[in-house]
Amino acid sequence: MTKANKWRNYALALMGIVLVFWLLEKIFPESNEILLLKWAAIVPATITTLIAFALLFKGK
């Protein structure tokens, strides 16, 4: 498995977590804890996605 594939898998897993928190936010819109957890998951998902794309375009 190349580095880009490994980082892509991490990014996809984190995006799945973001999706779960997004759905929970739609079900329980008044919960501040879910909103904070969603944003806490978005930041690492964005960083790993950028790393995966950088490695993919770099060719490794």
PDB file of N, CA and C in Angstrom:
ATOM      1  N   MET A   1       0.851  -1.177   0.000  1.00  0.00           N
ATOM      2  CA  MET A   1       0.000   0.000   0.000  1.00  0.00           C
ATOM      3  C   MET A   1       0.897   1.240   0.000  1.00  0.00           C
ATOM      4  N   THR A   2       0.628   2.137  -0.912  1.00  0.00           N
ATOM      5  CA  THR A   2       1.431   3.351  -0.985  1.00  0.00           C
ATOM      6  C   THR A   2       1.009   4.323   0.104  1.00  0.00           C
ATOM      7  N   LYS A   3       1.844   5.343   0.316  1.00  0.00           N
ATOM      8  CA  LYS A   3       1.524   6.344   1.324  1.00  0.00           C
ATOM      9  C   LYS A   3       0.227   7.076   0.996  1.00  0.00           C
ATOM     10  N   ALA A   4       0.027   7.366  -0.292  1.00  0.00           N
ATOM     11  CA  ALA A   4      -1.186   8.085  -0.691  1.00  0.00           C
ATOM     12  C   ALA A   4      -2.432   7.256  -0.391  1.00  0.00           C
ATOM     13  N   ASN A   5      -2.371   5.950  -0.657  1.00  0.00           N
ATOM     14  CA  ASN A   5      -3.532   5.098  -0.369  1.00  0.00           C
ATOM     15  C   ASN A   5      -3.801   5.016   1.122  1.00  0.00           C
ATOM     16  N   LYS A   6      -2.739   4.955   1.920  1.00  0.00           N
ATOM     17  CA  LYS A   6      -2.906   4.891   3.367  1.00  0.00           C
ATOM     18  C   LYS A   6      -3.582   6.168   3.872  1.00  0.00           C
ATOM     19  N   TRP A   7      -3.097   7.320   3.423  1.00  0.00           N
ATOM     20  CA  TRP A   7      -3.680   8.590   3.856  1.00  0.00           C
ATOM     21  C   TRP A   7      -5.089   8.762   3.318  1.00  0.00           C
ATOM     22  N   ARG A   8      -5.360   8.239   2.105  1.00  0.00           N
ATOM     23  CA  ARG A   8      -6.712   8.309   1.555  1.00  0.00           C
ATOM     24  C   ARG A   8      -7.668   7.504   2.428  1.00  0.00           C
ATOM     25  N   ASN A   9      -7.233   6.340   2.882  1.00  0.00           N
ATOM     26  CA  ASN A   9      -8.076   5.521   3.758  1.00  0.00           C
ATOM     27  C   ASN A   9      -8.346   6.223   5.084  1.00  0.00           C
ATOM     28  N   TYR A  10      -7.325   6.871   5.644  1.00  0.00           N
ATOM     29  CA  TYR A  10      -7.532   7.647   6.868  1.00  0.00           C
ATOM     30  C   TYR A  10      -8.542   8.762   6.632  1.00  0.00           C
ATOM     31  N   ALA A  11      -8.395   9.470   5.517  1.00  0.00           N
ATOM     32  CA  ALA A  11      -9.299  10.580   5.215  1.00  0.00           C
ATOM     33  C   ALA A  11     -10.731  10.090   5.040  1.00  0.00           C
ATOM     34  N   LEU A  12     -10.908   8.967   4.347  1.00  0.00           N
ATOM     35  CA  LEU A  12     -12.259   8.432   4.164  1.00  0.00           C
ATOM     36  C   LEU A  12     -12.883   8.016   5.493  1.00  0.00           C
ATOM     37  N   ALA A  13     -12.090   7.436   6.369  1.00  0.00           N
ATOM     38  CA  ALA A  13     -12.612   7.042   7.681  1.00  0.00           C
ATOM     39  C   ALA A  13     -13.033   8.275   8.486  1.00  0.00           C
ATOM     40  N   LEU A  14     -12.208   9.308   8.461  1.00  0.00           N
ATOM     41  CA  LEU A  14     -12.550  10.526   9.200  1.00  0.00           C
ATOM     42  C   LEU A  14     -13.761  11.227   8.592  1.00  0.00           C
ATOM     43  N   MET A  15     -13.893  11.178   7.268  1.00  0.00           N
ATOM     44  CA  MET A  15     -15.076  11.770   6.634  1.00  0.00           C
ATOM     45  C   MET A  15     -16.333  11.007   7.024  1.00  0.00           C
ATOM     46  N   GLY A  16     -16.212   9.711   7.202  1.00  0.00           N
ATOM     47  CA  GLY A  16     -17.344   8.924   7.685  1.00  0.00           C
ATOM     48  C   GLY A  16     -17.761   9.351   9.081  1.00  0.00           C
ATOM     49  N   ILE A  17     -16.792   9.629   9.928  1.00  0.00           N
ATOM     50  CA  ILE A  17     -17.098  10.107  11.279  1.00  0.00           C
ATOM     51  C   ILE A  17     -17.792  11.462  11.220  1.00  0.00           C
ATOM     52  N   VAL A  18     -17.304  12.348  10.340  1.00  0.00           N
ATOM     53  CA  VAL A  18     -17.944  13.652  10.170  1.00  0.00           C
ATOM     54  C   VAL A  18     -19.398  13.479   9.727  1.00  0.00           C
ATOM     55  N   LEU A  19     -19.638  12.548   8.816  1.00  0.00           N
ATOM     56  CA  LEU A  19     -21.000  12.301   8.345  1.00  0.00           C
ATOM     57  C   LEU A  19     -21.907  11.838   9.483  1.00  0.00           C
ATOM     58  N   VAL A  20     -21.400  10.983  10.341  1.00  0.00           N
ATOM     59  CA  VAL A  20     -22.191  10.509  11.485  1.00  0.00           C
ATOM     60  C   VAL A  20     -22.548  11.675  12.399  1.00  0.00           C
ATOM     61  N   PHE A  21     -21.572  12.538  12.705  1.00  0.00           N
ATOM     62  CA  PHE A  21     -21.864  13.685  13.566  1.00  0.00           C
ATOM     63  C   PHE A  21     -22.809  14.667  12.887  1.00  0.00           C
ATOM     64  N   TRP A  22     -22.710  14.801  11.557  1.00  0.00           N
ATOM     65  CA  TRP A  22     -23.621  15.680  10.826  1.00  0.00           C
ATOM     66  C   TRP A  22     -25.053  15.158  10.940  1.00  0.00           C
ATOM     67  N   LEU A  23     -25.207  13.828  10.789  1.00  0.00           N
ATOM     68  CA  LEU A  23     -26.543  13.242  10.920  1.00  0.00           C
ATOM     69  C   LEU A  23     -27.086  13.397  12.342  1.00  0.00           C
ATOM     70  N   LEU A  24     -26.229  13.210  13.341  1.00  0.00           N
ATOM     71  CA  LEU A  24     -26.661  13.397  14.724  1.00  0.00           C
ATOM     72  C   LEU A  24     -27.074  14.841  14.980  1.00  0.00           C
ATOM     73  N   GLU A  25     -26.372  15.777  14.343  1.00  0.00           N
ATOM     74  CA  GLU A  25     -26.729  17.183  14.506  1.00  0.00           C
ATOM     75  C   GLU A  25     -28.104  17.461  13.893  1.00  0.00           C
ATOM     76  N   LYS A  26     -28.424  16.787  12.785  1.00  0.00           N
ATOM     77  CA  LYS A  26     -29.741  16.967  12.174  1.00  0.00           C
ATOM     78  C   LYS A  26     -30.844  16.362  13.037  1.00  0.00           C
ATOM     79  N   ILE A  27     -30.527  15.261  13.731  1.00  0.00           N
ATOM     80  CA  ILE A  27     -31.517  14.607  14.586  1.00  0.00           C
ATOM     81  C   ILE A  27     -31.708  15.391  15.884  1.00  0.00           C
ATOM     82  N   PHE A  28     -30.605  15.859  16.473  1.00  0.00           N
ATOM     83  CA  PHE A  28     -30.641  16.611  17.730  1.00  0.00           C
ATOM     84  C   PHE A  28     -30.058  18.003  17.501  1.00  0.00           C
ATOM     85  N   PRO A  29     -30.823  18.926  16.914  1.00  0.00           N
ATOM     86  CA  PRO A  29     -30.257  20.223  16.530  1.00  0.00           C
ATOM     87  C   PRO A  29     -29.872  21.125  17.703  1.00  0.00           C
ATOM     88  N   GLU A  30     -30.409  20.877  18.876  1.00  0.00           N
ATOM     89  CA  GLU A  30     -30.123  21.770  20.000  1.00  0.00           C
ATOM     90  C   GLU A  30     -28.917  21.331  20.838  1.00  0.00           C
ATOM     91  N   SER A  31     -28.247  20.272  20.445  1.00  0.00           N
ATOM     92  CA  SER A  31     -27.134  19.739  21.230  1.00  0.00           C
ATOM     93  C   SER A  31     -25.818  20.407  20.841  1.00  0.00           C
ATOM     94  N   ASN A  32     -25.260  21.176  21.766  1.00  0.00           N
ATOM     95  CA  ASN A  32     -23.977  21.842  21.519  1.00  0.00           C
ATOM     96  C   ASN A  32     -22.815  20.859  21.514  1.00  0.00           C
ATOM     97  N   GLU A  33     -22.942  19.764  22.272  1.00  0.00           N
ATOM     98  CA  GLU A  33     -21.860  18.777  22.333  1.00  0.00           C
ATOM     99  C   GLU A  33     -21.648  18.111  20.972  1.00  0.00           C
ATOM    100  N   ILE A  34     -22.729  17.795  20.287  1.00  0.00           N
ATOM    101  CA  ILE A  34     -22.611  17.161  18.972  1.00  0.00           C
ATOM    102  C   ILE A  34     -21.988  18.128  17.978  1.00  0.00           C
ATOM    103  N   LEU A  35     -22.359  19.398  18.066  1.00  0.00           N
ATOM    104  CA  LEU A  35     -21.772  20.413  17.185  1.00  0.00           C
ATOM    105  C   LEU A  35     -20.268  20.529  17.414  1.00  0.00           C
ATOM    106  N   LEU A  36     -19.845  20.518  18.669  1.00  0.00           N
ATOM    107  CA  LEU A  36     -18.415  20.586  18.968  1.00  0.00           C
ATOM    108  C   LEU A  36     -17.679  19.341  18.489  1.00  0.00           C
ATOM    109  N   LEU A  37     -18.285  18.169  18.671  1.00  0.00           N
ATOM    110  CA  LEU A  37     -17.666  16.929  18.202  1.00  0.00           C
ATOM    111  C   LEU A  37     -17.555  16.906  16.681  1.00  0.00           C
ATOM    112  N   LYS A  38     -18.563  17.451  16.007  1.00  0.00           N
ATOM    113  CA  LYS A  38     -18.522  17.492  14.543  1.00  0.00           C
ATOM    114  C   LYS A  38     -17.344  18.345  14.078  1.00  0.00           C
ATOM    115  N   TRP A  39     -17.174  19.506  14.670  1.00  0.00           N
ATOM    116  CA  TRP A  39     -16.060  20.371  14.266  1.00  0.00           C
ATOM    117  C   TRP A  39     -14.714  19.778  14.682  1.00  0.00           C
ATOM    118  N   ALA A  40     -14.686  19.035  15.786  1.00  0.00           N
ATOM    119  CA  ALA A  40     -13.448  18.371  16.190  1.00  0.00           C
ATOM    120  C   ALA A  40     -13.078  17.259  15.218  1.00  0.00           C
ATOM    121  N   ALA A  41     -14.046  16.703  14.510  1.00  0.00           N
ATOM    122  CA  ALA A  41     -13.760  15.671  13.508  1.00  0.00           C
ATOM    123  C   ALA A  41     -13.453  16.267  12.142  1.00  0.00           C
ATOM    124  N   ILE A  42     -13.995  17.443  11.838  1.00  0.00           N
ATOM    125  CA  ILE A  42     -13.772  18.072  10.533  1.00  0.00           C
ATOM    126  C   ILE A  42     -12.319  18.491  10.352  1.00  0.00           C
ATOM    127  N   VAL A  43     -11.697  19.004  11.391  1.00  0.00           N
ATOM    128  CA  VAL A  43     -10.314  19.492  11.275  1.00  0.00           C
ATOM    129  C   VAL A  43      -9.339  18.372  10.888  1.00  0.00           C
ATOM    130  N   PRO A  44      -9.290  17.227  11.601  1.00  0.00           N
ATOM    131  CA  PRO A  44      -8.370  16.170  11.161  1.00  0.00           C
ATOM    132  C   PRO A  44      -8.747  15.574   9.806  1.00  0.00           C
ATOM    133  N   ALA A  45     -10.042  15.530   9.491  1.00  0.00           N
ATOM    134  CA  ALA A  45     -10.455  15.014   8.184  1.00  0.00           C
ATOM    135  C   ALA A  45      -9.933  15.901   7.066  1.00  0.00           C
ATOM    136  N   THR A  46      -9.989  17.195   7.267  1.00  0.00           N
ATOM    137  CA  THR A  46      -9.487  18.128   6.253  1.00  0.00           C
ATOM    138  C   THR A  46      -7.980  18.009   6.104  1.00  0.00           C
ATOM    139  N   ILE A  47      -7.268  17.917   7.212  1.00  0.00           N
ATOM    140  CA  ILE A  47      -5.800  17.818   7.160  1.00  0.00           C
ATOM    141  C   ILE A  47      -5.370  16.533   6.463  1.00  0.00           C
ATOM    142  N   THR A  48      -5.988  15.404   6.822  1.00  0.00           N
ATOM    143  CA  THR A  48      -5.580  14.140   6.192  1.00  0.00           C
ATOM    144  C   THR A  48      -5.974  14.094   4.721  1.00  0.00           C
ATOM    145  N   THR A  49      -7.085  14.736   4.360  1.00  0.00           N
ATOM    146  CA  THR A  49      -7.456  14.806   2.949  1.00  0.00           C
ATOM    147  C   THR A  49      -6.430  15.595   2.157  1.00  0.00           C
ATOM    148  N   LEU A  50      -5.979  16.703   2.701  1.00  0.00           N
ATOM    149  CA  LEU A  50      -4.949  17.504   2.023  1.00  0.00           C
ATOM    150  C   LEU A  50      -3.641  16.727   1.882  1.00  0.00           C
ATOM    151  N   ILE A  51      -3.266  15.986   2.917  1.00  0.00           N
ATOM    152  CA  ILE A  51      -2.043  15.172   2.844  1.00  0.00           C
ATOM    153  C   ILE A  51      -2.195  14.091   1.784  1.00  0.00           C
ATOM    154  N   ALA A  52      -3.369  13.440   1.743  1.00  0.00           N
ATOM    155  CA  ALA A  52      -3.598  12.384   0.751  1.00  0.00           C
ATOM    156  C   ALA A  52      -3.517  12.935  -0.667  1.00  0.00           C
ATOM    157  N   PHE A  53      -4.119  14.081  -0.909  1.00  0.00           N
ATOM    158  CA  PHE A  53      -4.051  14.674  -2.242  1.00  0.00           C
ATOM    159  C   PHE A  53      -2.635  15.105  -2.591  1.00  0.00           C
ATOM    160  N   ALA A  54      -1.914  15.651  -1.626  1.00  0.00           N
ATOM    161  CA  ALA A  54      -0.534  16.059  -1.888  1.00  0.00           C
ATOM    162  C   ALA A  54       0.323  14.853  -2.262  1.00  0.00           C
ATOM    163  N   LEU A  55       0.184  13.760  -1.527  1.00  0.00           N
ATOM    164  CA  LEU A  55       0.949  12.556  -1.837  1.00  0.00           C
ATOM    165  C   LEU A  55       0.511  11.933  -3.156  1.00  0.00           C
ATOM    166  N   LEU A  56      -0.781  12.012  -3.443  1.00  0.00           N
ATOM    167  CA  LEU A  56      -1.292  11.444  -4.685  1.00  0.00           C
ATOM    168  C   LEU A  56      -0.746  12.202  -5.893  1.00  0.00           C
ATOM    169  N   PHE A  57      -0.748  13.526  -5.801  1.00  0.00           N
ATOM    170  CA  PHE A  57      -0.257  14.322  -6.928  1.00  0.00           C
ATOM    171  C   PHE A  57       1.260  14.326  -7.012  1.00  0.00           C
ATOM    172  N   LYS A  58       1.912  14.064  -5.875  1.00  0.00           N
ATOM    173  CA  LYS A  58       3.370  13.965  -5.878  1.00  0.00           C
ATOM    174  C   LYS A  58       3.809  12.676  -6.565  1.00  0.00           C
ATOM    175  N   GLY A  59       2.965  11.653  -6.520  1.00  0.00           N
ATOM    176  CA  GLY A  59       3.250  10.410  -7.216  1.00  0.00           C
ATOM    177  C   GLY A  59       3.871   9.326  -6.367  1.00  0.00           C
ATOM    178  N   LYS A  60       3.706   9.402  -5.047  1.00  0.00           N
ATOM    179  CA  LYS A  60       4.279   8.377  -4.172  1.00  0.00           C
ATOM    180  C   LYS A  60       3.197   7.551  -3.559  1.00  0.00           C
TER     181      LYS A  60
END
